[in-house]
N, C-alpha and C. Protein backbone atom coordinates (compact mmCIF):
# COMPACT_ATOMS: atom_id res chain seq x y z
N MET A 1 74.79 4.29 -103.97
CA MET A 1 74.17 3.26 -104.41
C MET A 1 72.78 3.82 -103.37
N SER A 2 73.50 4.02 -102.42
CA SER A 2 72.27 4.19 -101.09
C SER A 2 70.96 5.19 -101.65
N GLN A 3 71.94 6.52 -102.34
CA GLN A 3 70.79 7.42 -102.78
C GLN A 3 69.74 6.54 -103.91
N GLN A 4 70.57 6.02 -104.90
CA GLN A 4 69.96 5.32 -105.88
C GLN A 4 68.64 4.23 -105.37
N LEU A 5 68.98 3.59 -104.44
CA LEU A 5 68.02 2.66 -103.71
C LEU A 5 66.89 3.56 -103.10
N TRP A 6 66.99 4.64 -102.52
CA TRP A 6 66.13 5.29 -101.90
C TRP A 6 65.51 6.21 -103.18
N CYS A 7 66.01 6.43 -104.06
CA CYS A 7 65.09 6.98 -105.34
C CYS A 7 63.85 5.69 -105.87
N TRP A 8 65.00 4.64 -105.84
CA TRP A 8 63.81 3.89 -106.56
C TRP A 8 62.97 3.24 -105.84
N GLY A 9 63.43 3.43 -104.40
CA GLY A 9 61.86 3.38 -103.39
C GLY A 9 60.69 4.39 -103.59
N ARG A 10 61.39 5.98 -103.78
CA ARG A 10 60.38 6.67 -103.91
C ARG A 10 59.39 6.38 -105.33
N ASP A 11 60.35 5.71 -106.19
CA ASP A 11 59.53 5.45 -107.70
C ASP A 11 58.35 4.33 -107.47
N ILE A 12 58.39 3.66 -106.35
CA ILE A 12 57.35 2.30 -106.10
C ILE A 12 56.33 3.51 -105.62
N LYS A 13 56.23 4.57 -105.09
CA LYS A 13 55.28 5.28 -104.58
C LYS A 13 55.12 6.37 -105.34
N SER A 14 55.87 6.59 -106.69
CA SER A 14 55.20 7.85 -107.55
C SER A 14 53.91 8.46 -107.62
N PRO A 15 53.15 9.54 -107.93
CA PRO A 15 52.07 10.13 -108.34
C PRO A 15 51.81 9.56 -109.93
N SER A 16 52.78 9.11 -110.32
CA SER A 16 52.59 8.66 -111.56
C SER A 16 52.29 7.02 -111.78
N GLY A 17 52.10 6.33 -110.50
CA GLY A 17 52.00 5.25 -110.53
C GLY A 17 53.35 4.20 -110.12
N ASN A 18 53.39 3.44 -109.94
CA ASN A 18 54.56 2.27 -109.45
C ASN A 18 55.71 2.73 -110.68
N LEU A 19 56.53 3.51 -110.91
CA LEU A 19 57.40 3.46 -112.17
C LEU A 19 58.41 2.63 -112.58
N LEU A 20 58.61 1.42 -111.33
CA LEU A 20 59.21 0.24 -111.30
C LEU A 20 58.48 -0.61 -112.45
N MET A 21 57.51 -0.78 -111.91
CA MET A 21 56.54 -1.88 -112.70
C MET A 21 56.32 -1.54 -113.83
N ASN A 22 55.79 -0.09 -113.97
CA ASN A 22 56.03 0.54 -115.27
C ASN A 22 56.99 0.11 -116.33
N TYR A 23 58.09 0.39 -115.62
CA TYR A 23 59.60 -0.50 -116.84
C TYR A 23 59.67 -1.40 -116.78
N GLY A 24 58.69 -2.10 -116.28
CA GLY A 24 58.73 -3.94 -116.49
C GLY A 24 59.02 -4.59 -115.62
N PHE A 25 59.32 -4.35 -114.53
CA PHE A 25 59.95 -5.28 -112.94
C PHE A 25 58.60 -5.84 -112.38
N GLU A 26 58.59 -6.31 -111.98
CA GLU A 26 57.51 -7.44 -110.79
C GLU A 26 57.88 -7.35 -109.85
N ARG A 27 56.97 -7.22 -108.93
CA ARG A 27 56.96 -7.42 -107.51
C ARG A 27 56.94 -8.59 -106.64
N HIS A 28 57.91 -9.05 -105.96
CA HIS A 28 57.75 -10.36 -105.70
C HIS A 28 58.11 -10.02 -103.65
N ARG A 29 57.02 -10.07 -103.02
CA ARG A 29 56.95 -9.95 -101.69
C ARG A 29 57.16 -11.20 -100.82
N GLU A 30 57.82 -11.22 -99.42
CA GLU A 30 57.92 -12.06 -98.87
C GLU A 30 56.77 -12.84 -98.13
N PRO A 31 56.33 -14.31 -98.61
CA PRO A 31 55.27 -14.58 -98.14
C PRO A 31 54.93 -14.40 -96.48
N GLY A 32 53.76 -14.31 -96.20
CA GLY A 32 53.34 -14.35 -94.90
C GLY A 32 52.80 -13.04 -94.78
N LYS A 33 51.75 -12.56 -93.62
CA LYS A 33 51.40 -11.26 -93.45
C LYS A 33 52.18 -10.50 -92.49
N GLY A 34 52.62 -9.44 -92.57
CA GLY A 34 53.43 -8.78 -91.37
C GLY A 34 55.17 -8.91 -91.88
N SER A 35 55.19 -9.54 -92.72
CA SER A 35 56.70 -10.23 -92.87
C SER A 35 57.91 -9.03 -93.02
N SER A 36 58.85 -9.22 -92.30
CA SER A 36 59.68 -8.15 -92.36
C SER A 36 61.01 -7.75 -93.47
N GLY A 37 60.81 -9.04 -94.39
CA GLY A 37 61.79 -9.07 -95.30
C GLY A 37 61.45 -7.93 -96.61
N SER A 38 62.70 -7.58 -97.26
CA SER A 38 62.59 -6.80 -98.17
C SER A 38 61.67 -7.08 -99.42
N THR A 39 60.77 -6.34 -100.24
CA THR A 39 60.29 -6.78 -101.30
C THR A 39 61.39 -7.02 -102.43
N CYS A 40 61.19 -7.76 -103.48
CA CYS A 40 62.18 -7.79 -104.56
C CYS A 40 61.50 -7.49 -105.22
N TYR A 41 62.39 -6.27 -106.27
CA TYR A 41 61.60 -6.19 -107.56
C TYR A 41 62.43 -6.52 -108.34
N ARG A 42 62.10 -7.65 -109.78
CA ARG A 42 62.92 -8.06 -110.43
C ARG A 42 62.25 -7.95 -111.98
N LEU A 43 63.27 -7.70 -112.63
CA LEU A 43 63.52 -7.60 -114.14
C LEU A 43 63.91 -8.33 -114.81
N ASP A 44 63.24 -9.45 -115.57
CA ASP A 44 63.57 -10.25 -116.28
C ASP A 44 63.56 -9.81 -118.08
N ASP A 45 64.68 -9.53 -118.55
CA ASP A 45 64.47 -9.22 -120.02
C ASP A 45 65.45 -10.08 -120.83
N GLY A 46 64.91 -11.23 -121.30
CA GLY A 46 65.76 -12.19 -122.13
C GLY A 46 67.38 -12.30 -121.33
N PRO A 47 68.42 -11.90 -121.88
CA PRO A 47 69.53 -12.47 -120.94
C PRO A 47 69.62 -11.52 -119.66
N LEU A 48 69.24 -10.59 -119.67
CA LEU A 48 69.28 -9.60 -118.60
C LEU A 48 68.10 -10.25 -117.21
N HIS A 49 68.90 -9.83 -116.17
CA HIS A 49 68.16 -10.02 -114.87
C HIS A 49 68.23 -8.44 -114.21
N VAL A 50 67.72 -8.05 -113.06
CA VAL A 50 67.85 -7.09 -112.34
C VAL A 50 66.89 -7.29 -110.88
N ALA A 51 67.61 -7.36 -110.19
CA ALA A 51 67.01 -7.55 -109.17
C ALA A 51 67.00 -6.19 -108.03
N LEU A 52 66.24 -5.75 -107.52
CA LEU A 52 66.14 -4.69 -106.60
C LEU A 52 65.53 -5.09 -105.23
N TRP A 53 66.20 -4.47 -104.06
CA TRP A 53 65.74 -4.56 -102.50
C TRP A 53 66.16 -3.30 -101.70
N GLY A 54 65.59 -3.22 -100.70
CA GLY A 54 66.17 -2.19 -100.15
C GLY A 54 67.58 -2.54 -99.55
N PHE A 55 68.02 -3.43 -99.48
CA PHE A 55 69.41 -3.60 -99.00
C PHE A 55 70.31 -3.73 -100.33
N GLY A 56 69.93 -3.62 -101.50
CA GLY A 56 71.14 -3.92 -102.28
C GLY A 56 70.49 -4.09 -103.78
N MET A 57 71.25 -4.08 -104.90
CA MET A 57 71.03 -4.38 -106.41
C MET A 57 71.62 -5.73 -107.03
N PHE A 58 71.00 -6.28 -107.68
CA PHE A 58 71.60 -7.71 -108.38
C PHE A 58 71.66 -7.11 -110.16
N TYR A 59 72.64 -7.50 -110.62
CA TYR A 59 72.69 -7.24 -111.81
C TYR A 59 73.35 -8.95 -112.89
N GLY A 60 72.81 -9.07 -113.34
CA GLY A 60 73.32 -10.22 -114.02
C GLY A 60 72.79 -10.63 -115.75
N GLU A 61 73.90 -11.01 -116.10
CA GLU A 61 73.57 -11.24 -117.98
C GLU A 61 74.37 -12.49 -118.05
N ARG A 62 73.31 -13.24 -118.94
CA ARG A 62 73.90 -14.74 -119.48
C ARG A 62 75.14 -14.97 -120.02
N SER A 63 75.76 -15.43 -119.54
CA SER A 63 77.23 -15.90 -120.11
C SER A 63 78.20 -14.88 -119.25
N LEU A 64 77.98 -13.99 -118.65
CA LEU A 64 78.61 -13.30 -118.06
C LEU A 64 78.82 -13.39 -116.45
N GLY A 65 77.50 -13.92 -115.71
CA GLY A 65 77.58 -13.97 -114.13
C GLY A 65 76.51 -12.17 -113.66
N GLY A 66 76.82 -12.44 -112.48
CA GLY A 66 75.87 -11.58 -112.02
C GLY A 66 77.04 -10.69 -110.75
N LEU A 67 76.34 -9.71 -110.69
CA LEU A 67 77.04 -8.57 -109.58
C LEU A 67 76.01 -8.06 -108.78
N PHE A 68 76.45 -8.53 -107.70
CA PHE A 68 75.75 -7.95 -106.02
C PHE A 68 76.38 -6.40 -105.81
N VAL A 69 75.59 -5.42 -105.54
CA VAL A 69 75.71 -4.41 -104.89
C VAL A 69 75.36 -3.65 -103.83
N GLY A 70 75.94 -4.24 -102.63
CA GLY A 70 75.02 -3.40 -101.67
C GLY A 70 74.84 -1.98 -101.52
N ARG A 71 73.78 -1.69 -100.33
CA ARG A 71 73.42 -0.23 -100.36
C ARG A 71 74.51 0.61 -100.10
N TYR A 72 75.12 0.16 -98.50
CA TYR A 72 75.90 1.18 -98.13
C TYR A 72 77.61 0.80 -98.52
N ASP A 73 77.58 0.08 -99.47
CA ASP A 73 79.21 -0.65 -99.61
C ASP A 73 79.43 -0.67 -101.27
N PHE A 74 79.47 0.31 -101.74
CA PHE A 74 79.61 0.16 -103.66
C PHE A 74 81.25 -0.47 -103.82
N ARG A 75 80.85 -1.75 -103.65
CA ARG A 75 82.19 -2.63 -103.94
C ARG A 75 81.59 -4.07 -104.63
N PRO A 76 81.22 -3.97 -105.95
CA PRO A 76 80.60 -4.88 -106.90
C PRO A 76 81.19 -6.34 -106.62
N ARG A 77 80.31 -7.41 -106.11
CA ARG A 77 80.88 -8.71 -106.00
C ARG A 77 80.48 -9.26 -107.10
N TRP A 78 80.87 -10.50 -107.24
CA TRP A 78 80.73 -11.23 -108.89
C TRP A 78 80.68 -12.61 -108.09
N ALA A 79 79.50 -13.44 -109.11
CA ALA A 79 79.39 -14.53 -109.17
C ALA A 79 78.81 -15.42 -110.44
N ASN A 80 79.21 -16.30 -110.65
CA ASN A 80 78.85 -17.29 -111.69
C ASN A 80 77.44 -17.44 -111.60
N LEU A 81 76.67 -16.97 -111.71
CA LEU A 81 75.24 -16.86 -111.83
C LEU A 81 74.36 -15.85 -112.27
N GLU A 82 73.89 -15.96 -113.50
CA GLU A 82 73.01 -14.67 -114.61
C GLU A 82 71.58 -14.33 -113.79
N SER A 83 71.06 -15.02 -112.73
CA SER A 83 69.74 -14.85 -112.12
C SER A 83 69.60 -15.10 -110.72
N LEU A 84 68.98 -14.27 -109.83
CA LEU A 84 68.56 -14.95 -108.75
C LEU A 84 66.98 -15.61 -108.63
N SER A 85 66.79 -16.10 -107.66
CA SER A 85 65.77 -16.51 -107.17
C SER A 85 64.62 -15.30 -106.65
N SER A 86 63.70 -15.54 -106.92
CA SER A 86 62.86 -14.30 -106.47
C SER A 86 62.30 -14.35 -105.13
N ALA A 87 62.80 -15.48 -104.54
CA ALA A 87 62.38 -15.42 -103.05
C ALA A 87 63.39 -14.87 -101.99
N VAL A 88 64.77 -14.43 -102.54
CA VAL A 88 65.55 -13.71 -101.90
C VAL A 88 64.88 -12.66 -101.29
N HIS A 89 64.93 -12.10 -100.11
CA HIS A 89 64.51 -10.97 -99.12
C HIS A 89 65.09 -10.32 -97.97
N TYR A 90 66.34 -11.19 -97.64
CA TYR A 90 66.99 -10.78 -96.96
C TYR A 90 68.48 -10.91 -97.06
N PRO A 91 69.48 -10.23 -96.90
CA PRO A 91 70.87 -10.33 -97.27
C PRO A 91 71.37 -11.77 -97.23
N ASP A 92 71.02 -12.31 -96.21
CA ASP A 92 71.57 -13.71 -95.95
C ASP A 92 70.84 -14.98 -96.89
N ASP A 93 69.98 -14.51 -97.75
CA ASP A 93 69.23 -15.31 -98.61
C ASP A 93 70.05 -15.32 -99.92
N LEU A 94 71.32 -14.14 -99.79
CA LEU A 94 71.66 -14.57 -100.87
C LEU A 94 73.21 -15.49 -101.51
N PRO A 95 72.82 -15.52 -102.47
CA PRO A 95 74.15 -16.85 -102.40
C PRO A 95 75.67 -16.15 -102.39
N PRO A 96 76.54 -17.02 -102.13
CA PRO A 96 78.36 -16.40 -102.16
C PRO A 96 78.59 -15.82 -103.16
N PHE A 97 79.02 -14.46 -103.08
CA PHE A 97 79.46 -13.37 -104.08
C PHE A 97 81.02 -13.47 -103.44
N GLY A 98 81.73 -12.66 -104.27
CA GLY A 98 83.13 -12.54 -104.28
C GLY A 98 83.87 -11.68 -105.07
N ARG A 99 85.08 -11.88 -105.11
CA ARG A 99 86.06 -11.23 -106.39
C ARG A 99 86.27 -12.51 -107.34
N PRO A 100 85.85 -11.83 -108.78
CA PRO A 100 86.23 -12.63 -109.67
C PRO A 100 87.81 -13.38 -109.73
N ALA A 101 88.09 -14.49 -110.23
CA ALA A 101 88.96 -15.22 -110.41
C ALA A 101 89.94 -15.27 -111.57
N GLY A 102 90.80 -15.39 -111.93
CA GLY A 102 91.30 -15.53 -113.54
C GLY A 102 90.86 -14.34 -114.62
N VAL A 103 91.74 -14.47 -115.41
CA VAL A 103 90.99 -13.10 -116.51
C VAL A 103 89.48 -13.42 -116.87
N ARG A 104 89.66 -14.20 -117.35
CA ARG A 104 88.12 -14.66 -118.14
C ARG A 104 86.99 -13.90 -116.93
N GLN A 105 86.87 -14.24 -115.97
CA GLN A 105 85.92 -13.66 -114.74
C GLN A 105 86.22 -12.55 -114.66
N TRP A 106 87.49 -11.57 -114.40
CA TRP A 106 87.81 -10.47 -114.54
C TRP A 106 87.12 -9.53 -115.51
N LYS A 107 87.27 -10.19 -116.98
CA LYS A 107 86.70 -9.42 -117.89
C LYS A 107 85.27 -9.66 -117.82
N ALA A 108 84.54 -10.80 -117.51
CA ALA A 108 83.14 -10.76 -117.57
C ALA A 108 82.81 -9.64 -116.31
N ALA A 109 83.53 -9.88 -115.07
CA ALA A 109 83.13 -8.61 -114.10
C ALA A 109 83.01 -6.98 -114.32
N HIS A 110 84.05 -7.21 -115.23
CA HIS A 110 84.35 -5.29 -115.45
C HIS A 110 83.15 -5.01 -116.80
N ARG A 111 82.78 -6.34 -117.58
CA ARG A 111 81.83 -5.89 -118.47
C ARG A 111 80.18 -5.83 -117.61
N LEU A 112 79.98 -6.66 -116.92
CA LEU A 112 78.94 -6.56 -115.94
C LEU A 112 78.87 -5.00 -115.62
N CYS A 113 79.93 -5.01 -114.66
CA CYS A 113 79.86 -3.31 -114.23
C CYS A 113 79.49 -2.24 -115.14
N ARG A 114 80.16 -2.35 -116.28
CA ARG A 114 79.88 -1.42 -117.30
C ARG A 114 78.37 -1.32 -117.60
N ASN A 115 77.99 -2.33 -117.68
CA ASN A 115 76.55 -2.48 -118.32
C ASN A 115 75.49 -2.17 -117.19
N MET A 116 75.60 -2.63 -116.17
CA MET A 116 74.86 -2.37 -114.71
C MET A 116 75.07 -0.99 -115.07
N LEU A 117 76.21 -0.13 -114.60
CA LEU A 117 76.22 1.12 -114.64
C LEU A 117 75.29 2.07 -116.20
N ASP A 118 75.59 1.35 -117.13
CA ASP A 118 74.44 1.86 -118.22
C ASP A 118 73.04 1.69 -118.07
N TRP A 119 73.10 0.72 -117.61
CA TRP A 119 71.37 0.26 -117.51
C TRP A 119 70.72 1.14 -116.28
N ILE A 120 71.79 1.56 -115.15
CA ILE A 120 70.92 2.37 -114.30
C ILE A 120 70.99 3.94 -115.28
N VAL A 121 71.95 4.33 -115.60
CA VAL A 121 71.91 5.74 -116.42
C VAL A 121 70.94 5.49 -117.41
N ASN A 122 70.25 4.63 -117.63
CA ASN A 122 69.29 4.63 -119.05
C ASN A 122 68.12 4.54 -118.08
N TYR A 123 67.94 4.13 -117.19
CA TYR A 123 66.69 3.89 -116.31
C TYR A 123 66.31 5.49 -115.26
N GLU A 124 67.55 5.79 -115.10
CA GLU A 124 67.02 7.42 -114.72
C GLU A 124 67.22 8.24 -116.06
N THR A 125 67.34 8.17 -117.18
CA THR A 125 66.97 9.23 -118.14
C THR A 125 65.49 8.69 -118.37
N TRP A 126 64.94 7.74 -118.64
CA TRP A 126 63.60 7.38 -118.54
C TRP A 126 62.71 8.31 -117.54
N VAL A 127 63.40 7.77 -116.15
CA VAL A 127 62.55 8.69 -115.35
C VAL A 127 62.32 10.10 -115.69
N MET A 128 63.36 10.33 -115.83
CA MET A 128 63.30 11.89 -116.05
C MET A 128 61.99 12.30 -117.11
N GLN A 129 62.27 11.37 -118.05
CA GLN A 129 61.74 11.48 -119.27
C GLN A 129 59.81 11.46 -118.98
N GLN A 130 59.60 10.54 -118.10
CA GLN A 130 58.26 9.87 -117.53
C GLN A 130 57.91 10.71 -116.70
N ALA A 131 58.55 10.78 -115.74
CA ALA A 131 58.02 11.52 -114.45
C ALA A 131 58.40 13.04 -114.37
N GLY A 132 59.69 13.52 -114.99
CA GLY A 132 60.30 14.79 -115.03
C GLY A 132 61.14 14.91 -113.93
N ALA A 133 61.92 16.05 -114.23
CA ALA A 133 62.80 16.55 -113.47
C ALA A 133 62.74 17.02 -111.91
N ALA A 134 61.62 17.63 -112.07
CA ALA A 134 61.16 17.85 -110.64
C ALA A 134 60.52 16.57 -109.61
N TYR A 135 60.47 15.99 -110.55
CA TYR A 135 59.75 14.43 -109.85
C TYR A 135 60.98 13.82 -108.87
N ARG A 136 62.22 14.12 -110.11
CA ARG A 136 63.52 13.15 -109.63
C ARG A 136 63.98 13.97 -108.45
N GLN A 137 63.58 15.41 -108.62
CA GLN A 137 64.79 16.42 -107.48
C GLN A 137 63.85 16.60 -106.04
N ARG A 138 62.57 16.12 -105.93
CA ARG A 138 61.66 15.81 -104.94
C ARG A 138 62.38 14.76 -104.26
N CYS A 139 62.25 13.25 -105.08
CA CYS A 139 62.65 12.16 -104.42
C CYS A 139 64.58 12.42 -103.92
N VAL A 140 65.25 13.32 -104.52
CA VAL A 140 66.18 13.41 -103.61
C VAL A 140 66.31 14.37 -102.96
N LYS A 141 65.60 15.31 -102.56
CA LYS A 141 65.73 16.28 -101.53
C LYS A 141 64.87 15.67 -100.75
N SER A 142 64.06 15.07 -100.85
CA SER A 142 63.73 14.17 -99.66
C SER A 142 64.51 13.01 -98.81
N TRP A 143 65.44 12.45 -99.38
CA TRP A 143 66.60 12.01 -98.70
C TRP A 143 67.41 12.55 -97.87
N LEU A 144 67.74 11.97 -96.39
CA LEU A 144 68.43 12.86 -95.42
C LEU A 144 70.19 13.37 -96.08
N HIS A 145 70.19 12.35 -97.10
CA HIS A 145 72.05 12.49 -97.38
C HIS A 145 72.33 12.40 -98.67
N PRO A 146 71.69 13.70 -99.84
CA PRO A 146 71.92 13.74 -101.06
C PRO A 146 73.44 13.71 -101.20
N PHE A 147 73.85 13.08 -102.17
CA PHE A 147 74.92 13.02 -102.64
C PHE A 147 75.56 13.79 -103.84
N VAL A 148 74.49 13.32 -104.62
CA VAL A 148 74.04 13.79 -106.15
C VAL A 148 73.13 14.37 -106.53
N THR A 149 73.08 15.25 -107.35
CA THR A 149 71.75 16.47 -107.67
C THR A 149 71.12 15.24 -108.36
N ALA A 150 69.80 15.98 -108.34
CA ALA A 150 68.99 14.94 -109.39
C ALA A 150 69.42 14.87 -110.95
N GLU A 151 70.00 16.30 -111.42
CA GLU A 151 69.88 16.51 -112.83
C GLU A 151 71.49 15.48 -113.23
N LYS A 152 72.07 15.48 -111.85
CA LYS A 152 73.64 14.64 -112.12
C LYS A 152 73.83 13.52 -112.13
N MET A 153 72.48 12.72 -111.57
CA MET A 153 72.79 11.26 -111.24
C MET A 153 73.11 10.71 -112.59
N PRO A 154 72.35 10.93 -113.48
CA PRO A 154 72.70 10.04 -114.81
C PRO A 154 74.36 10.24 -115.37
N ALA A 155 74.75 11.45 -115.18
CA ALA A 155 76.24 11.36 -115.49
C ALA A 155 76.83 10.73 -114.44
N ALA A 156 76.65 11.26 -112.82
CA ALA A 156 77.67 10.60 -112.10
C ALA A 156 77.57 8.79 -112.16
N TRP A 157 76.53 8.50 -112.86
CA TRP A 157 76.56 6.78 -113.12
C TRP A 157 77.31 6.57 -114.19
N GLY A 158 77.34 7.48 -115.25
CA GLY A 158 78.49 7.49 -116.26
C GLY A 158 80.05 7.37 -116.11
N LEU A 159 80.01 8.35 -114.94
CA LEU A 159 81.77 8.47 -114.48
C LEU A 159 82.22 7.17 -113.86
N LEU A 160 81.24 6.55 -113.06
CA LEU A 160 81.43 5.09 -112.32
C LEU A 160 81.98 4.28 -113.57
N ARG A 161 81.26 4.41 -114.53
CA ARG A 161 80.92 3.18 -115.59
C ARG A 161 82.47 2.40 -115.51
N ASN A 162 83.30 3.18 -115.73
CA ASN A 162 84.75 3.07 -116.06
C ASN A 162 85.60 2.89 -114.75
N ARG A 163 85.16 2.84 -113.51
CA ARG A 163 85.59 3.47 -112.54
C ARG A 163 85.48 2.20 -111.10
N CYS A 164 84.49 1.44 -111.57
CA CYS A 164 83.62 0.71 -110.77
C CYS A 164 84.18 -0.28 -109.87
N TRP A 165 85.44 -0.81 -110.38
CA TRP A 165 86.67 -1.20 -109.44
C TRP A 165 88.02 -0.45 -108.79
N ASP A 166 87.62 0.61 -108.85
CA ASP A 166 88.69 1.49 -108.83
C ASP A 166 88.94 2.01 -107.19
N GLN A 167 89.98 1.65 -106.96
CA GLN A 167 89.96 1.44 -105.23
C GLN A 167 90.96 3.31 -105.10
N GLN A 168 91.27 3.70 -105.76
CA GLN A 168 92.15 5.24 -105.92
C GLN A 168 91.18 5.98 -105.61
N ARG A 169 90.84 6.23 -104.28
CA ARG A 169 90.16 7.64 -103.50
C ARG A 169 90.45 9.28 -104.02
N ASN A 170 91.77 9.19 -104.08
CA ASN A 170 92.21 10.56 -104.83
C ASN A 170 91.67 10.91 -106.14
N GLN A 171 91.63 9.79 -107.30
CA GLN A 171 91.82 9.63 -108.83
C GLN A 171 90.23 10.27 -108.79
N TRP A 172 89.05 9.63 -108.12
CA TRP A 172 87.95 9.58 -107.36
C TRP A 172 87.25 10.77 -107.67
N TYR A 173 88.19 11.46 -106.26
CA TYR A 173 87.49 12.79 -106.22
C TYR A 173 87.93 13.95 -107.03
N LEU A 174 89.10 13.65 -108.07
CA LEU A 174 89.44 14.47 -108.83
C LEU A 174 88.61 14.13 -110.30
N ALA A 175 88.47 13.27 -110.66
CA ALA A 175 87.16 12.90 -111.79
C ALA A 175 85.76 13.37 -111.50
N VAL A 176 85.27 13.41 -109.91
CA VAL A 176 84.24 13.69 -109.69
C VAL A 176 83.94 15.12 -109.62
N ASP A 177 85.17 16.18 -108.96
CA ASP A 177 85.16 17.57 -109.04
C ASP A 177 85.19 18.12 -110.55
N ARG A 178 86.05 17.30 -111.64
CA ARG A 178 85.74 17.57 -112.84
C ARG A 178 84.03 17.94 -113.25
N LEU A 179 83.70 16.63 -113.28
CA LEU A 179 82.50 16.63 -113.74
C LEU A 179 81.26 17.91 -112.59
N GLY A 180 81.86 18.15 -111.48
CA GLY A 180 80.95 19.20 -110.89
C GLY A 180 80.16 18.52 -109.93
N ILE A 181 80.22 17.57 -109.47
CA ILE A 181 79.47 16.93 -108.63
C ILE A 181 79.30 16.81 -107.30
N LEU A 182 80.85 16.81 -106.81
CA LEU A 182 81.07 17.31 -105.54
C LEU A 182 82.01 18.17 -105.34
N ASP A 183 82.46 18.81 -104.31
CA ASP A 183 83.66 18.88 -104.22
C ASP A 183 84.72 18.04 -103.57
N THR A 184 85.73 18.31 -103.62
CA THR A 184 86.81 17.65 -103.10
C THR A 184 87.21 17.04 -101.48
N LYS A 185 85.96 17.57 -100.71
CA LYS A 185 85.79 17.62 -99.46
C LYS A 185 84.34 16.23 -99.50
N GLY A 186 83.48 16.06 -100.73
CA GLY A 186 83.04 14.95 -100.71
C GLY A 186 81.56 15.70 -100.30
N LYS A 187 81.11 17.00 -100.49
CA LYS A 187 79.93 17.67 -100.37
C LYS A 187 79.50 18.04 -101.88
N ASN A 188 78.06 17.96 -101.74
CA ASN A 188 77.53 18.88 -102.78
C ASN A 188 77.72 20.02 -103.34
N LYS A 189 78.02 20.31 -104.50
CA LYS A 189 77.95 21.40 -105.27
C LYS A 189 76.95 22.37 -105.30
């Protein structure tokens, strides 16, 4: 997620213009000159709500609730809310998120997780079409800790789609190795 948030941060400054805004996001800065809060990029598309900050991502859908995924901790956390205020600029501004309780909430959380990862795949595919593979390659190369190559980012998110609540690291490394994203020691291939 950290690499993805880095790339979204680069998309704001793309030579083709702000790609997030071109995709339909609205920018919400913290009020006040010189504020230190993270700018919220928010997409509201019917029942879908996506919010991006430097510290994480929120993905919500009407009737399913919402997930928050932090920048450095890919553990989706669920809440029974479909949308967040555009006034969230710090992690402490977020409402409480946690683990789903009961079968209904777990089903909703799993569906949200799959839908969120599909949304990221679609966004990355769109970026490749709009700005080109060379643009995304430059974004990834400019990050100090590349985890996945630019070309494999959509496939990596697709792989995570059905494993986002999975705690078994060995199974994850086997799946990632088969896709050719990382070797089993966690280094780029």
